[in-house]
N, C-alpha and C. Protein backbone atom coordinates (compact mmCIF):
# COMPACT_ATOMS: atom_id res chain seq x y z
N MET A 1 25.92 -3.31 -40.92
CA MET A 1 26.73 -4.38 -41.48
C MET A 1 28.21 -4.17 -41.21
N GLU A 2 28.52 -3.13 -40.52
CA GLU A 2 29.91 -2.82 -40.20
C GLU A 2 30.61 -4.01 -39.54
N TRP A 3 29.90 -4.72 -38.68
CA TRP A 3 30.47 -5.86 -37.98
C TRP A 3 30.94 -6.93 -38.96
N PHE A 4 30.23 -7.09 -40.07
CA PHE A 4 30.58 -8.11 -41.05
C PHE A 4 31.92 -7.81 -41.70
N TYR A 5 32.14 -6.55 -42.04
CA TYR A 5 33.38 -6.17 -42.72
C TYR A 5 34.58 -6.16 -41.80
N ARG A 6 34.36 -6.30 -40.52
CA ARG A 6 35.46 -6.40 -39.56
C ARG A 6 35.98 -7.83 -39.42
N ILE A 7 35.32 -8.79 -40.02
CA ILE A 7 35.79 -10.17 -39.96
C ILE A 7 37.06 -10.25 -40.81
N PRO A 8 38.17 -10.66 -40.20
CA PRO A 8 39.43 -10.73 -40.96
C PRO A 8 39.31 -11.65 -42.17
N GLY A 9 39.69 -11.12 -43.33
CA GLY A 9 39.69 -11.89 -44.57
C GLY A 9 38.45 -11.72 -45.42
N VAL A 10 37.38 -11.18 -44.86
CA VAL A 10 36.14 -11.08 -45.61
C VAL A 10 36.26 -10.11 -46.79
N ASP A 11 37.10 -9.12 -46.67
CA ASP A 11 37.26 -8.15 -47.76
C ASP A 11 37.99 -8.73 -48.98
N GLU A 12 38.54 -9.91 -48.85
CA GLU A 12 39.24 -10.54 -49.96
C GLU A 12 38.35 -11.49 -50.76
N LEU A 13 37.13 -11.71 -50.32
CA LEU A 13 36.22 -12.64 -50.99
C LEU A 13 35.73 -12.01 -52.28
N ASP A 14 35.84 -12.75 -53.39
CA ASP A 14 35.50 -12.15 -54.68
C ASP A 14 34.56 -12.99 -55.54
N SER A 15 34.02 -14.07 -54.98
CA SER A 15 33.06 -14.88 -55.72
C SER A 15 32.14 -15.58 -54.73
N ALA A 16 31.03 -16.08 -55.23
CA ALA A 16 30.11 -16.81 -54.36
C ALA A 16 30.82 -18.00 -53.73
N GLU A 17 31.59 -18.72 -54.54
CA GLU A 17 32.31 -19.89 -54.03
C GLU A 17 33.27 -19.51 -52.92
N SER A 18 33.93 -18.36 -53.06
CA SER A 18 34.90 -17.95 -52.03
C SER A 18 34.20 -17.67 -50.70
N PHE A 19 32.97 -17.16 -50.74
CA PHE A 19 32.22 -16.96 -49.50
C PHE A 19 31.94 -18.31 -48.83
N PHE A 20 31.51 -19.29 -49.61
CA PHE A 20 31.18 -20.59 -49.06
C PHE A 20 32.42 -21.29 -48.51
N GLU A 21 33.52 -21.17 -49.20
CA GLU A 21 34.76 -21.78 -48.72
C GLU A 21 35.27 -21.08 -47.46
N PHE A 22 35.21 -19.75 -47.43
CA PHE A 22 35.68 -18.98 -46.29
C PHE A 22 34.88 -19.30 -45.03
N PHE A 23 33.56 -19.42 -45.18
CA PHE A 23 32.70 -19.68 -44.04
C PHE A 23 32.43 -21.18 -43.83
N CYS A 24 33.13 -22.02 -44.59
CA CYS A 24 33.03 -23.48 -44.44
C CYS A 24 31.58 -23.97 -44.52
N VAL A 25 30.86 -23.44 -45.49
CA VAL A 25 29.47 -23.84 -45.71
C VAL A 25 29.46 -24.79 -46.91
N PRO A 26 28.98 -26.02 -46.70
CA PRO A 26 28.92 -26.96 -47.82
C PRO A 26 27.93 -26.49 -48.89
N TYR A 27 28.27 -26.75 -50.15
CA TYR A 27 27.39 -26.35 -51.25
C TYR A 27 27.62 -27.26 -52.44
N ALA A 28 26.62 -27.33 -53.30
CA ALA A 28 26.74 -28.06 -54.55
C ALA A 28 27.03 -27.04 -55.64
N SER A 29 28.12 -27.21 -56.35
CA SER A 29 28.52 -26.24 -57.38
C SER A 29 27.42 -25.96 -58.40
N PRO A 30 26.77 -26.99 -58.96
CA PRO A 30 25.72 -26.70 -59.95
C PRO A 30 24.56 -25.89 -59.35
N ALA A 31 24.18 -26.22 -58.13
CA ALA A 31 23.08 -25.50 -57.49
C ALA A 31 23.47 -24.05 -57.23
N LEU A 32 24.69 -23.83 -56.77
CA LEU A 32 25.14 -22.48 -56.49
C LEU A 32 25.27 -21.66 -57.76
N ARG A 33 25.78 -22.27 -58.81
CA ARG A 33 25.92 -21.56 -60.09
C ARG A 33 24.57 -21.07 -60.61
N SER A 34 23.54 -21.88 -60.41
CA SER A 34 22.23 -21.51 -60.96
C SER A 34 21.52 -20.43 -60.16
N CYS A 35 21.94 -20.21 -58.91
CA CYS A 35 21.23 -19.20 -58.11
C CYS A 35 22.17 -18.37 -57.23
N CYS A 36 23.42 -18.21 -57.65
CA CYS A 36 24.39 -17.51 -56.80
C CYS A 36 24.00 -16.07 -56.53
N LEU A 37 23.45 -15.36 -57.50
CA LEU A 37 23.06 -13.97 -57.26
C LEU A 37 21.93 -13.88 -56.24
N ARG A 38 20.97 -14.80 -56.35
CA ARG A 38 19.87 -14.82 -55.38
C ARG A 38 20.38 -15.14 -53.98
N VAL A 39 21.30 -16.10 -53.89
CA VAL A 39 21.86 -16.48 -52.59
C VAL A 39 22.60 -15.30 -51.97
N LEU A 40 23.45 -14.63 -52.74
CA LEU A 40 24.22 -13.51 -52.20
C LEU A 40 23.33 -12.32 -51.85
N ARG A 41 22.28 -12.09 -52.64
CA ARG A 41 21.34 -11.01 -52.32
C ARG A 41 20.60 -11.32 -51.03
N ASP A 42 20.16 -12.57 -50.87
CA ASP A 42 19.48 -12.99 -49.66
C ASP A 42 20.42 -12.91 -48.45
N PHE A 43 21.66 -13.33 -48.64
CA PHE A 43 22.67 -13.26 -47.58
C PHE A 43 22.89 -11.81 -47.15
N HIS A 44 23.01 -10.91 -48.11
CA HIS A 44 23.19 -9.49 -47.81
C HIS A 44 22.01 -8.96 -46.99
N GLN A 45 20.81 -9.32 -47.38
CA GLN A 45 19.62 -8.87 -46.65
C GLN A 45 19.62 -9.42 -45.22
N ARG A 46 19.98 -10.67 -45.08
CA ARG A 46 20.04 -11.28 -43.74
C ARG A 46 21.10 -10.58 -42.88
N LEU A 47 22.22 -10.23 -43.47
CA LEU A 47 23.26 -9.51 -42.72
C LEU A 47 22.73 -8.16 -42.24
N ARG A 48 22.02 -7.47 -43.11
CA ARG A 48 21.45 -6.16 -42.74
C ARG A 48 20.39 -6.31 -41.66
N ASP A 49 19.60 -7.37 -41.74
CA ASP A 49 18.53 -7.59 -40.76
C ASP A 49 19.06 -7.93 -39.38
N HIS A 50 20.28 -8.42 -39.29
CA HIS A 50 20.83 -8.86 -38.01
C HIS A 50 21.72 -7.81 -37.35
N VAL A 51 21.63 -6.58 -37.77
CA VAL A 51 22.39 -5.50 -37.15
C VAL A 51 22.11 -5.39 -35.65
N PRO A 52 20.86 -5.56 -35.18
CA PRO A 52 20.61 -5.45 -33.73
C PRO A 52 21.40 -6.44 -32.88
N LEU A 53 21.92 -7.49 -33.47
CA LEU A 53 22.69 -8.48 -32.72
C LEU A 53 24.12 -8.01 -32.47
N ARG A 54 24.48 -6.87 -32.98
CA ARG A 54 25.86 -6.40 -32.91
C ARG A 54 26.41 -6.38 -31.49
N ASN A 55 25.62 -5.94 -30.53
CA ASN A 55 26.09 -5.88 -29.16
C ASN A 55 26.47 -7.26 -28.63
N LEU A 56 25.74 -8.27 -29.03
CA LEU A 56 26.04 -9.63 -28.60
C LEU A 56 27.33 -10.15 -29.23
N LEU A 57 27.67 -9.63 -30.39
CA LEU A 57 28.84 -10.12 -31.12
C LEU A 57 30.15 -9.71 -30.46
N GLU A 58 30.12 -8.68 -29.69
CA GLU A 58 31.36 -8.16 -29.11
C GLU A 58 31.88 -9.03 -27.97
N GLU A 59 31.06 -9.94 -27.46
CA GLU A 59 31.49 -10.79 -26.35
C GLU A 59 32.44 -11.89 -26.78
N ASP A 60 32.24 -12.45 -27.95
CA ASP A 60 33.04 -13.57 -28.45
C ASP A 60 33.67 -13.17 -29.78
N PRO A 61 34.99 -13.22 -29.90
CA PRO A 61 35.63 -12.80 -31.15
C PRO A 61 35.22 -13.61 -32.38
N ARG A 62 34.78 -14.86 -32.19
CA ARG A 62 34.36 -15.68 -33.34
C ARG A 62 32.88 -15.50 -33.66
N ALA A 63 32.15 -14.81 -32.82
CA ALA A 63 30.70 -14.67 -33.02
C ALA A 63 30.32 -14.08 -34.37
N PRO A 64 30.98 -13.02 -34.85
CA PRO A 64 30.60 -12.49 -36.17
C PRO A 64 30.77 -13.51 -37.29
N TRP A 65 31.88 -14.26 -37.26
CA TRP A 65 32.11 -15.28 -38.28
C TRP A 65 31.05 -16.36 -38.20
N LEU A 66 30.72 -16.79 -36.99
CA LEU A 66 29.71 -17.83 -36.81
C LEU A 66 28.33 -17.36 -37.26
N LEU A 67 27.98 -16.11 -36.95
CA LEU A 67 26.70 -15.58 -37.39
C LEU A 67 26.65 -15.48 -38.91
N ALA A 68 27.70 -14.96 -39.51
CA ALA A 68 27.74 -14.84 -40.97
C ALA A 68 27.66 -16.22 -41.62
N ARG A 69 28.34 -17.20 -41.04
CA ARG A 69 28.29 -18.57 -41.56
C ARG A 69 26.87 -19.10 -41.53
N ARG A 70 26.18 -18.90 -40.40
CA ARG A 70 24.80 -19.37 -40.28
C ARG A 70 23.88 -18.68 -41.29
N LEU A 71 24.05 -17.38 -41.46
CA LEU A 71 23.20 -16.64 -42.39
C LEU A 71 23.46 -17.04 -43.84
N LEU A 72 24.71 -17.30 -44.19
CA LEU A 72 25.02 -17.76 -45.54
C LEU A 72 24.40 -19.13 -45.79
N ALA A 73 24.50 -20.02 -44.82
CA ALA A 73 23.89 -21.35 -44.97
C ALA A 73 22.38 -21.24 -45.11
N GLU A 74 21.76 -20.37 -44.32
CA GLU A 74 20.31 -20.17 -44.42
C GLU A 74 19.92 -19.62 -45.79
N SER A 75 20.70 -18.68 -46.30
CA SER A 75 20.42 -18.11 -47.62
C SER A 75 20.52 -19.17 -48.70
N TYR A 76 21.54 -19.99 -48.61
CA TYR A 76 21.73 -21.07 -49.60
C TYR A 76 20.56 -22.04 -49.55
N GLN A 77 20.21 -22.47 -48.35
CA GLN A 77 19.08 -23.42 -48.21
C GLN A 77 17.79 -22.80 -48.74
N HIS A 78 17.54 -21.57 -48.39
CA HIS A 78 16.32 -20.89 -48.83
C HIS A 78 16.26 -20.78 -50.35
N CYS A 79 17.34 -20.34 -50.97
CA CYS A 79 17.34 -20.11 -52.41
C CYS A 79 17.38 -21.40 -53.22
N THR A 80 18.10 -22.40 -52.74
CA THR A 80 18.14 -23.66 -53.49
C THR A 80 16.81 -24.39 -53.36
N ALA A 81 16.16 -24.31 -52.23
CA ALA A 81 14.85 -24.94 -52.06
C ALA A 81 13.83 -24.23 -52.96
N GLU A 82 13.93 -22.90 -53.03
CA GLU A 82 13.04 -22.11 -53.87
C GLU A 82 13.28 -22.42 -55.34
N HIS A 83 14.54 -22.64 -55.70
CA HIS A 83 14.91 -22.93 -57.09
C HIS A 83 14.37 -24.28 -57.55
N LYS A 84 14.28 -25.24 -56.64
CA LYS A 84 13.80 -26.59 -56.98
C LYS A 84 12.32 -26.61 -57.27
N GLN A 85 11.59 -25.63 -56.73
CA GLN A 85 10.12 -25.62 -56.91
C GLN A 85 9.71 -25.17 -58.27
C-alpha cells in the first residue's frame, strides 16, 4: 500500500467524506453515514489486494490517484448495495 500513501494530499484525509471529496467520488451522505466504516474497511482491503499493480502505476503519475478513486467507488457501491439488502 506504499503507493497509496505517496499520493500527494492523501495523508491529510481525516474522514470518510474527505476521501470521497478528494477522489471526486459521488456519494449520498445518508448512505455513507450508515456504512462508512464498512466502506473504508472494504476500500483498505481493495488497496492491499492491488499491490501487484504497483509496477504499472509508475508509468503515469496520475495512475495511483485514478486506481484509488476506482477502488473507493467500488467499495462504496459494494457496501451500499449490501446495506440495502
